[in-house]
Each structure stands twice: as structure tokens, then as C-alpha cells.
Amino acid sequence: MKKIVSTLLFCMFSAASACWAQTEPDRTQPGTNDQIVQMHERISEANRVYDAKVAAAKRVYLRQKAAAKKERDASVAAARDGMPAAATQ
């Protein structure tokens, strides 16, 4: 029984080490002459640019939304304290 367990553990560790020894595959794709593939690549690039612009606009929106919320919260707090809103700004 001990021999089986030790053999099993040895096999597990050797299999795991083989997985870590693999190198990172080359992510660059060779150019192609296929027009459909080129069209899909251009569409993918356009989508990446669009997503980047949307993310930038969303960051600006969230920043402005946070500033407006802060101003609103200050006005609400001033109203609850009985101070006029013009005095807090």
C-alpha cells in the first residue's frame, strides 16, 4: 500500500512539474491573405478602440457623478442643519 501511494504521489508531482515547464506560446499571429480574416481583424481592432474610448468616457462620467453627489450631500447636510444652501457654497 505504501508503495502504491508513493508511486501515485511521484506521478502527480512529475506531471505537475511538466505543466509548469511549458513555455509561453507565441501570441503573434502571422499575416494572412484571407480577406474575411483581415476584415474580422479590423473589426476587432475597431471594437478595442471603441471599448477604450467608452471606458475613458465612463471614468469621466463617474468622476463628475461623484463630484455632483458630494455637492448634493453637502447641500442636504446643510439643509438638515438649518443653514441656507447659498451659505455652504
PDB file of N, CA and C in Angstrom:
ATOM      1  N   MET A   1       0.826  -1.193   0.000  1.00  0.00           N
ATOM      2  CA  MET A   1       0.000   0.000   0.000  1.00  0.00           C
ATOM      3  C   MET A   1       0.868   1.254   0.000  1.00  0.00           C
ATOM      4  N   LYS A   2       1.948   1.228   0.795  1.00  0.00           N
ATOM      5  CA  LYS A   2       2.843   2.369   0.856  1.00  0.00           C
ATOM      6  C   LYS A   2       3.496   2.624  -0.499  1.00  0.00           C
ATOM      7  N   LYS A   3       3.806   1.542  -1.172  1.00  0.00           N
ATOM      8  CA  LYS A   3       4.457   1.652  -2.468  1.00  0.00           C
ATOM      9  C   LYS A   3       3.516   2.296  -3.495  1.00  0.00           C
ATOM     10  N   ILE A   4       2.245   1.941  -3.446  1.00  0.00           N
ATOM     11  CA  ILE A   4       1.264   2.493  -4.375  1.00  0.00           C
ATOM     12  C   ILE A   4       1.085   3.985  -4.124  1.00  0.00           C
ATOM     13  N   VAL A   5       0.968   4.359  -2.857  1.00  0.00           N
ATOM     14  CA  VAL A   5       0.787   5.771  -2.513  1.00  0.00           C
ATOM     15  C   VAL A   5       2.005   6.579  -2.936  1.00  0.00           C
ATOM     16  N   SER A   6       3.194   6.070  -2.660  1.00  0.00           N
ATOM     17  CA  SER A   6       4.401   6.811  -3.034  1.00  0.00           C
ATOM     18  C   SER A   6       4.534   6.914  -4.551  1.00  0.00           C
ATOM     19  N   THR A   7       4.168   5.860  -5.270  1.00  0.00           N
ATOM     20  CA  THR A   7       4.207   5.901  -6.730  1.00  0.00           C
ATOM     21  C   THR A   7       3.192   6.898  -7.264  1.00  0.00           C
ATOM     22  N   LEU A   8       2.011   6.908  -6.689  1.00  0.00           N
ATOM     23  CA  LEU A   8       0.973   7.843  -7.103  1.00  0.00           C
ATOM     24  C   LEU A   8       1.408   9.284  -6.855  1.00  0.00           C
ATOM     25  N   LEU A   9       1.969   9.550  -5.691  1.00  0.00           N
ATOM     26  CA  LEU A   9       2.451  10.900  -5.390  1.00  0.00           C
ATOM     27  C   LEU A   9       3.571  11.308  -6.341  1.00  0.00           C
ATOM     28  N   PHE A  10       4.482  10.386  -6.616  1.00  0.00           N
ATOM     29  CA  PHE A  10       5.576  10.684  -7.542  1.00  0.00           C
ATOM     30  C   PHE A  10       5.026  11.042  -8.918  1.00  0.00           C
ATOM     31  N   CYS A  11       4.040  10.286  -9.396  1.00  0.00           N
ATOM     32  CA  CYS A  11       3.445  10.560 -10.707  1.00  0.00           C
ATOM     33  C   CYS A  11       2.737  11.909 -10.723  1.00  0.00           C
ATOM     34  N   MET A  12       2.035  12.227  -9.641  1.00  0.00           N
ATOM     35  CA  MET A  12       1.335  13.517  -9.566  1.00  0.00           C
ATOM     36  C   MET A  12       2.321  14.675  -9.614  1.00  0.00           C
ATOM     37  N   PHE A  13       3.397  14.581  -8.845  1.00  0.00           N
ATOM     38  CA  PHE A  13       4.375  15.667  -8.817  1.00  0.00           C
ATOM     39  C   PHE A  13       5.123  15.793 -10.139  1.00  0.00           C
ATOM     40  N   SER A  14       5.429  14.677 -10.757  1.00  0.00           N
ATOM     41  CA  SER A  14       6.143  14.751 -12.034  1.00  0.00           C
ATOM     42  C   SER A  14       5.232  15.308 -13.123  1.00  0.00           C
ATOM     43  N   ALA A  15       3.954  14.979 -13.091  1.00  0.00           N
ATOM     44  CA  ALA A  15       3.016  15.521 -14.074  1.00  0.00           C
ATOM     45  C   ALA A  15       2.818  17.016 -13.855  1.00  0.00           C
ATOM     46  N   ALA A  16       2.753  17.432 -12.607  1.00  0.00           N
ATOM     47  CA  ALA A  16       2.571  18.849 -12.307  1.00  0.00           C
ATOM     48  C   ALA A  16       3.785  19.656 -12.731  1.00  0.00           C
ATOM     49  N   SER A  17       4.968  19.122 -12.542  1.00  0.00           N
ATOM     50  CA  SER A  17       6.170  19.864 -12.921  1.00  0.00           C
ATOM     51  C   SER A  17       6.281  19.991 -14.432  1.00  0.00           C
ATOM     52  N   ALA A  18       5.775  19.024 -15.179  1.00  0.00           N
ATOM     53  CA  ALA A  18       5.818  19.099 -16.637  1.00  0.00           C
ATOM     54  C   ALA A  18       4.912  20.218 -17.138  1.00  0.00           C
ATOM     55  N   CYS A  19       3.812  20.460 -16.447  1.00  0.00           N
ATOM     56  CA  CYS A  19       2.905  21.536 -16.846  1.00  0.00           C
ATOM     57  C   CYS A  19       3.564  22.893 -16.661  1.00  0.00           C
ATOM     58  N   TRP A  20       4.309  23.065 -15.591  1.00  0.00           N
ATOM     59  CA  TRP A  20       4.948  24.357 -15.314  1.00  0.00           C
ATOM     60  C   TRP A  20       6.136  24.593 -16.231  1.00  0.00           C
ATOM     61  N   ALA A  21       6.694  23.542 -16.794  1.00  0.00           N
ATOM     62  CA  ALA A  21       7.885  23.686 -17.622  1.00  0.00           C
ATOM     63  C   ALA A  21       7.558  24.162 -19.030  1.00  0.00           C
ATOM     64  N   GLN A  22       6.296  24.188 -19.389  1.00  0.00           N
ATOM     65  CA  GLN A  22       5.937  24.604 -20.732  1.00  0.00           C
ATOM     66  C   GLN A  22       6.165  26.099 -20.892  1.00  0.00           C
ATOM     67  N   THR A  23       6.645  26.482 -22.058  1.00  0.00           N
ATOM     68  CA  THR A  23       6.904  27.891 -22.330  1.00  0.00           C
ATOM     69  C   THR A  23       5.635  28.571 -22.816  1.00  0.00           C
ATOM     70  N   GLU A  24       5.646  29.877 -22.721  1.00  0.00           N
ATOM     71  CA  GLU A  24       4.510  30.676 -23.183  1.00  0.00           C
ATOM     72  C   GLU A  24       4.439  30.598 -24.707  1.00  0.00           C
ATOM     73  N   PRO A  25       3.266  30.286 -25.263  1.00  0.00           N
ATOM     74  CA  PRO A  25       3.165  30.213 -26.723  1.00  0.00           C
ATOM     75  C   PRO A  25       3.297  31.606 -27.334  1.00  0.00           C
ATOM     76  N   ASP A  26       3.756  31.652 -28.552  1.00  0.00           N
ATOM     77  CA  ASP A  26       3.911  32.913 -29.257  1.00  0.00           C
ATOM     78  C   ASP A  26       2.528  33.447 -29.600  1.00  0.00           C
ATOM     79  N   ARG A  27       2.208  34.636 -29.103  1.00  0.00           N
ATOM     80  CA  ARG A  27       0.865  35.198 -29.293  1.00  0.00           C
ATOM     81  C   ARG A  27       0.715  35.934 -30.626  1.00  0.00           C
ATOM     82  N   THR A  28       1.807  36.240 -31.288  1.00  0.00           N
ATOM     83  CA  THR A  28       1.710  36.956 -32.554  1.00  0.00           C
ATOM     84  C   THR A  28       1.216  36.008 -33.632  1.00  0.00           C
ATOM     85  N   GLN A  29       0.285  36.497 -34.399  1.00  0.00           N
ATOM     86  CA  GLN A  29      -0.269  35.676 -35.458  1.00  0.00           C
ATOM     87  C   GLN A  29       0.347  36.107 -36.786  1.00  0.00           C
ATOM     88  N   PRO A  30       0.671  35.159 -37.614  1.00  0.00           N
ATOM     89  CA  PRO A  30       1.240  35.536 -38.908  1.00  0.00           C
ATOM     90  C   PRO A  30       0.181  36.231 -39.758  1.00  0.00           C
ATOM     91  N   GLY A  31       0.632  37.098 -40.647  1.00  0.00           N
ATOM     92  CA  GLY A  31      -0.296  37.783 -41.536  1.00  0.00           C
ATOM     93  C   GLY A  31      -0.999  36.796 -42.444  1.00  0.00           C
ATOM     94  N   THR A  32      -2.154  37.188 -42.906  1.00  0.00           N
ATOM     95  CA  THR A  32      -2.925  36.302 -43.767  1.00  0.00           C
ATOM     96  C   THR A  32      -3.394  37.080 -44.985  1.00  0.00           C
ATOM     97  N   ASN A  33      -3.634  36.368 -46.051  1.00  0.00           N
ATOM     98  CA  ASN A  33      -4.143  36.984 -47.270  1.00  0.00           C
ATOM     99  C   ASN A  33      -5.653  36.845 -47.370  1.00  0.00           C
ATOM    100  N   ASP A  34      -6.255  36.131 -46.447  1.00  0.00           N
ATOM    101  CA  ASP A  34      -7.693  35.903 -46.477  1.00  0.00           C
ATOM    102  C   ASP A  34      -8.415  37.203 -46.132  1.00  0.00           C
ATOM    103  N   GLN A  35      -9.271  37.653 -47.034  1.00  0.00           N
ATOM    104  CA  GLN A  35      -9.956  38.931 -46.841  1.00  0.00           C
ATOM    105  C   GLN A  35     -10.933  38.894 -45.672  1.00  0.00           C
ATOM    106  N   ILE A  36     -11.572  37.776 -45.463  1.00  0.00           N
ATOM    107  CA  ILE A  36     -12.528  37.670 -44.360  1.00  0.00           C
ATOM    108  C   ILE A  36     -11.806  37.754 -43.026  1.00  0.00           C
ATOM    109  N   VAL A  37     -10.661  37.089 -42.917  1.00  0.00           N
ATOM    110  CA  VAL A  37      -9.878  37.145 -41.684  1.00  0.00           C
ATOM    111  C   VAL A  37      -9.387  38.567 -41.447  1.00  0.00           C
ATOM    112  N   GLN A  38      -8.912  39.230 -42.495  1.00  0.00           N
ATOM    113  CA  GLN A  38      -8.457  40.612 -42.367  1.00  0.00           C
ATOM    114  C   GLN A  38      -9.599  41.524 -41.939  1.00  0.00           C
ATOM    115  N   MET A  39     -10.801  41.294 -42.493  1.00  0.00           N
ATOM    116  CA  MET A  39     -11.959  42.088 -42.115  1.00  0.00           C
ATOM    117  C   MET A  39     -12.269  41.898 -40.632  1.00  0.00           C
ATOM    118  N   HIS A  40     -12.226  40.659 -40.157  1.00  0.00           N
ATOM    119  CA  HIS A  40     -12.507  40.390 -38.747  1.00  0.00           C
ATOM    120  C   HIS A  40     -11.444  41.007 -37.845  1.00  0.00           C
ATOM    121  N   GLU A  41     -10.197  41.015 -38.290  1.00  0.00           N
ATOM    122  CA  GLU A  41      -9.136  41.652 -37.509  1.00  0.00           C
ATOM    123  C   GLU A  41      -9.362  43.155 -37.404  1.00  0.00           C
ATOM    124  N   ARG A  42      -9.778  43.780 -38.518  1.00  0.00           N
ATOM    125  CA  ARG A  42     -10.060  45.224 -38.488  1.00  0.00           C
ATOM    126  C   ARG A  42     -11.255  45.517 -37.595  1.00  0.00           C
ATOM    127  N   ILE A  43     -12.268  44.662 -37.634  1.00  0.00           N
ATOM    128  CA  ILE A  43     -13.440  44.843 -36.772  1.00  0.00           C
ATOM    129  C   ILE A  43     -13.044  44.703 -35.311  1.00  0.00           C
ATOM    130  N   SER A  44     -12.215  43.724 -35.008  1.00  0.00           N
ATOM    131  CA  SER A  44     -11.756  43.533 -33.628  1.00  0.00           C
ATOM    132  C   SER A  44     -10.962  44.737 -33.147  1.00  0.00           C
ATOM    133  N   GLU A  45     -10.102  45.272 -33.990  1.00  0.00           N
ATOM    134  CA  GLU A  45      -9.317  46.455 -33.621  1.00  0.00           C
ATOM    135  C   GLU A  45     -10.239  47.653 -33.392  1.00  0.00           C
ATOM    136  N   ALA A  46     -11.243  47.822 -34.263  1.00  0.00           N
ATOM    137  CA  ALA A  46     -12.197  48.919 -34.087  1.00  0.00           C
ATOM    138  C   ALA A  46     -12.962  48.760 -32.777  1.00  0.00           C
ATOM    139  N   ASN A  47     -13.337  47.537 -32.440  1.00  0.00           N
ATOM    140  CA  ASN A  47     -14.038  47.293 -31.175  1.00  0.00           C
ATOM    141  C   ASN A  47     -13.147  47.596 -29.980  1.00  0.00           C
ATOM    142  N   ARG A  48     -11.851  47.265 -30.063  1.00  0.00           N
ATOM    143  CA  ARG A  48     -10.928  47.569 -28.961  1.00  0.00           C
ATOM    144  C   ARG A  48     -10.789  49.077 -28.771  1.00  0.00           C
ATOM    145  N   VAL A  49     -10.677  49.823 -29.882  1.00  0.00           N
ATOM    146  CA  VAL A  49     -10.572  51.285 -29.796  1.00  0.00           C
ATOM    147  C   VAL A  49     -11.850  51.858 -29.202  1.00  0.00           C
ATOM    148  N   TYR A  50     -12.992  51.365 -29.659  1.00  0.00           N
ATOM    149  CA  TYR A  50     -14.281  51.821 -29.139  1.00  0.00           C
ATOM    150  C   TYR A  50     -14.400  51.551 -27.646  1.00  0.00           C
ATOM    151  N   ASP A  51     -14.039  50.339 -27.225  1.00  0.00           N
ATOM    152  CA  ASP A  51     -14.117  49.989 -25.804  1.00  0.00           C
ATOM    153  C   ASP A  51     -13.210  50.879 -24.963  1.00  0.00           C
ATOM    154  N   ALA A  52     -12.036  51.219 -25.494  1.00  0.00           N
ATOM    155  CA  ALA A  52     -11.124  52.104 -24.759  1.00  0.00           C
ATOM    156  C   ALA A  52     -11.727  53.494 -24.610  1.00  0.00           C
ATOM    157  N   LYS A  53     -12.350  54.001 -25.674  1.00  0.00           N
ATOM    158  CA  LYS A  53     -12.971  55.328 -25.603  1.00  0.00           C
ATOM    159  C   LYS A  53     -14.165  55.327 -24.658  1.00  0.00           C
ATOM    160  N   VAL A  54     -14.949  54.269 -24.678  1.00  0.00           N
ATOM    161  CA  VAL A  54     -16.095  54.167 -23.771  1.00  0.00           C
ATOM    162  C   VAL A  54     -15.617  54.101 -22.325  1.00  0.00           C
ATOM    163  N   ALA A  55     -14.551  53.358 -22.076  1.00  0.00           N
ATOM    164  CA  ALA A  55     -14.010  53.260 -20.716  1.00  0.00           C
ATOM    165  C   ALA A  55     -13.513  54.617 -20.237  1.00  0.00           C
ATOM    166  N   ALA A  56     -12.860  55.381 -21.122  1.00  0.00           N
ATOM    167  CA  ALA A  56     -12.381  56.713 -20.744  1.00  0.00           C
ATOM    168  C   ALA A  56     -13.555  57.640 -20.449  1.00  0.00           C
ATOM    169  N   ALA A  57     -14.586  57.588 -21.287  1.00  0.00           N
ATOM    170  CA  ALA A  57     -15.763  58.426 -21.053  1.00  0.00           C
ATOM    171  C   ALA A  57     -16.470  58.028 -19.768  1.00  0.00           C
ATOM    172  N   LYS A  58     -16.508  56.742 -19.486  1.00  0.00           N
ATOM    173  CA  LYS A  58     -17.155  56.272 -18.264  1.00  0.00           C
ATOM    174  C   LYS A  58     -16.402  56.758 -17.032  1.00  0.00           C
ATOM    175  N   ARG A  59     -15.060  56.782 -17.102  1.00  0.00           N
ATOM    176  CA  ARG A  59     -14.280  57.293 -15.968  1.00  0.00           C
ATOM    177  C   ARG A  59     -14.592  58.762 -15.724  1.00  0.00           C
ATOM    178  N   VAL A  60     -14.688  59.550 -16.813  1.00  0.00           N
ATOM    179  CA  VAL A  60     -15.025  60.971 -16.675  1.00  0.00           C
ATOM    180  C   VAL A  60     -16.418  61.109 -16.081  1.00  0.00           C
ATOM    181  N   TYR A  61     -17.352  60.325 -16.588  1.00  0.00           N
ATOM    182  CA  TYR A  61     -18.728  60.371 -16.086  1.00  0.00           C
ATOM    183  C   TYR A  61     -18.781  60.044 -14.600  1.00  0.00           C
ATOM    184  N   LEU A  62     -18.090  58.991 -14.192  1.00  0.00           N
ATOM    185  CA  LEU A  62     -18.108  58.598 -12.784  1.00  0.00           C
ATOM    186  C   LEU A  62     -17.467  59.658 -11.903  1.00  0.00           C
ATOM    187  N   ARG A  63     -16.409  60.303 -12.406  1.00  0.00           N
ATOM    188  CA  ARG A  63     -15.753  61.360 -11.639  1.00  0.00           C
ATOM    189  C   ARG A  63     -16.701  62.549 -11.463  1.00  0.00           C
ATOM    190  N   GLN A  64     -17.392  62.951 -12.541  1.00  0.00           N
ATOM    191  CA  GLN A  64     -18.336  64.062 -12.453  1.00  0.00           C
ATOM    192  C   GLN A  64     -19.537  63.693 -11.595  1.00  0.00           C
ATOM    193  N   LYS A  65     -19.971  62.458 -11.687  1.00  0.00           N
ATOM    194  CA  LYS A  65     -21.093  61.997 -10.871  1.00  0.00           C
ATOM    195  C   LYS A  65     -20.725  62.042  -9.394  1.00  0.00           C
ATOM    196  N   ALA A  66     -19.499  61.644  -9.060  1.00  0.00           N
ATOM    197  CA  ALA A  66     -19.050  61.677  -7.667  1.00  0.00           C
ATOM    198  C   ALA A  66     -18.971  63.106  -7.153  1.00  0.00           C
ATOM    199  N   ALA A  67     -18.512  64.039  -8.009  1.00  0.00           N
ATOM    200  CA  ALA A  67     -18.445  65.444  -7.594  1.00  0.00           C
ATOM    201  C   ALA A  67     -19.846  66.000  -7.362  1.00  0.00           C
ATOM    202  N   ALA A  68     -20.785  65.666  -8.242  1.00  0.00           N
ATOM    203  CA  ALA A  68     -22.161  66.136  -8.071  1.00  0.00           C
ATOM    204  C   ALA A  68     -22.790  65.534  -6.820  1.00  0.00           C
ATOM    205  N   LYS A  69     -22.499  64.270  -6.545  1.00  0.00           N
ATOM    206  CA  LYS A  69     -23.030  63.623  -5.344  1.00  0.00           C
ATOM    207  C   LYS A  69     -22.483  64.285  -4.091  1.00  0.00           C
ATOM    208  N   LYS A  70     -21.201  64.624  -4.118  1.00  0.00           N
ATOM    209  CA  LYS A  70     -20.581  65.283  -2.970  1.00  0.00           C
ATOM    210  C   LYS A  70     -21.234  66.642  -2.724  1.00  0.00           C
ATOM    211  N   GLU A  71     -21.478  67.375  -3.809  1.00  0.00           N
ATOM    212  CA  GLU A  71     -22.133  68.682  -3.685  1.00  0.00           C
ATOM    213  C   GLU A  71     -23.558  68.528  -3.164  1.00  0.00           C
ATOM    214  N   ARG A  72     -24.270  67.530  -3.677  1.00  0.00           N
ATOM    215  CA  ARG A  72     -25.638  67.286  -3.220  1.00  0.00           C
ATOM    216  C   ARG A  72     -25.665  66.901  -1.752  1.00  0.00           C
ATOM    217  N   ASP A  73     -24.751  66.023  -1.353  1.00  0.00           N
ATOM    218  CA  ASP A  73     -24.698  65.605   0.047  1.00  0.00           C
ATOM    219  C   ASP A  73     -24.393  66.772   0.970  1.00  0.00           C
ATOM    220  N   ALA A  74     -23.524  67.679   0.516  1.00  0.00           N
ATOM    221  CA  ALA A  74     -23.221  68.865   1.323  1.00  0.00           C
ATOM    222  C   ALA A  74     -24.452  69.749   1.454  1.00  0.00           C
ATOM    223  N   SER A  75     -25.205  69.906   0.365  1.00  0.00           N
ATOM    224  CA  SER A  75     -26.426  70.718   0.410  1.00  0.00           C
ATOM    225  C   SER A  75     -27.478  70.079   1.307  1.00  0.00           C
ATOM    226  N   VAL A  76     -27.609  68.758   1.228  1.00  0.00           N
ATOM    227  CA  VAL A  76     -28.577  68.053   2.067  1.00  0.00           C
ATOM    228  C   VAL A  76     -28.182  68.170   3.532  1.00  0.00           C
ATOM    229  N   ALA A  77     -26.905  68.019   3.819  1.00  0.00           N
ATOM    230  CA  ALA A  77     -26.437  68.138   5.204  1.00  0.00           C
ATOM    231  C   ALA A  77     -26.664  69.545   5.730  1.00  0.00           C
ATOM    232  N   ALA A  78     -26.436  70.549   4.868  1.00  0.00           N
ATOM    233  CA  ALA A  78     -26.662  71.932   5.289  1.00  0.00           C
ATOM    234  C   ALA A  78     -28.145  72.183   5.527  1.00  0.00           C
ATOM    235  N   ALA A  79     -28.991  71.605   4.679  1.00  0.00           N
ATOM    236  CA  ALA A  79     -30.433  71.785   4.849  1.00  0.00           C
ATOM    237  C   ALA A  79     -30.908  71.129   6.139  1.00  0.00           C
ATOM    238  N   ARG A  80     -30.327  70.005   6.474  1.00  0.00           N
ATOM    239  CA  ARG A  80     -30.721  69.325   7.708  1.00  0.00           C
ATOM    240  C   ARG A  80     -30.239  70.079   8.939  1.00  0.00           C
ATOM    241  N   ASP A  81     -29.136  70.796   8.801  1.00  0.00           N
ATOM    242  CA  ASP A  81     -28.619  71.588   9.916  1.00  0.00           C
ATOM    243  C   ASP A  81     -29.323  72.926  10.037  1.00  0.00           C
ATOM    244  N   GLY A  82     -30.146  73.280   9.054  1.00  0.00           N
ATOM    245  CA  GLY A  82     -30.891  74.526   9.100  1.00  0.00           C
ATOM    246  C   GLY A  82     -30.153  75.694   8.475  1.00  0.00           C
ATOM    247  N   MET A  83     -29.061  75.432   7.780  1.00  0.00           N
ATOM    248  CA  MET A  83     -28.315  76.505   7.134  1.00  0.00           C
ATOM    249  C   MET A  83     -28.834  76.677   5.713  1.00  0.00           C
ATOM    250  N   PRO A  84     -28.836  77.910   5.199  1.00  0.00           N
ATOM    251  CA  PRO A  84     -29.237  78.099   3.800  1.00  0.00           C
ATOM    252  C   PRO A  84     -28.190  77.493   2.863  1.00  0.00           C
ATOM    253  N   ALA A  85     -28.633  77.045   1.710  1.00  0.00           N
ATOM    254  CA  ALA A  85     -27.746  76.360   0.772  1.00  0.00           C
ATOM    255  C   ALA A  85     -26.690  77.298   0.208  1.00  0.00           C
ATOM    256  N   ALA A  86     -27.008  78.574   0.044  1.00  0.00           N
ATOM    257  CA  ALA A  86     -26.057  79.533  -0.518  1.00  0.00           C
ATOM    258  C   ALA A  86     -24.885  79.760   0.430  1.00  0.00           C
ATOM    259  N   ALA A  87     -25.093  79.601   1.714  1.00  0.00           N
ATOM    260  CA  ALA A  87     -24.026  79.835   2.687  1.00  0.00           C
ATOM    261  C   ALA A  87     -22.988  78.723   2.666  1.00  0.00           C
ATOM    262  N   THR A  88     -23.364  77.546   2.220  1.00  0.00           N
ATOM    263  CA  THR A  88     -22.423  76.422   2.219  1.00  0.00           C
ATOM    264  C   THR A  88     -21.550  76.403   0.982  1.00  0.00           C
ATOM    265  N   GLN A  89     -21.952  77.113  -0.070  1.00  0.00           N
ATOM    266  CA  GLN A  89     -21.192  77.043  -1.323  1.00  0.00           C
ATOM    267  C   GLN A  89     -20.229  78.146  -1.457  1.00  0.00           C
TER     268      GLN A  89
END
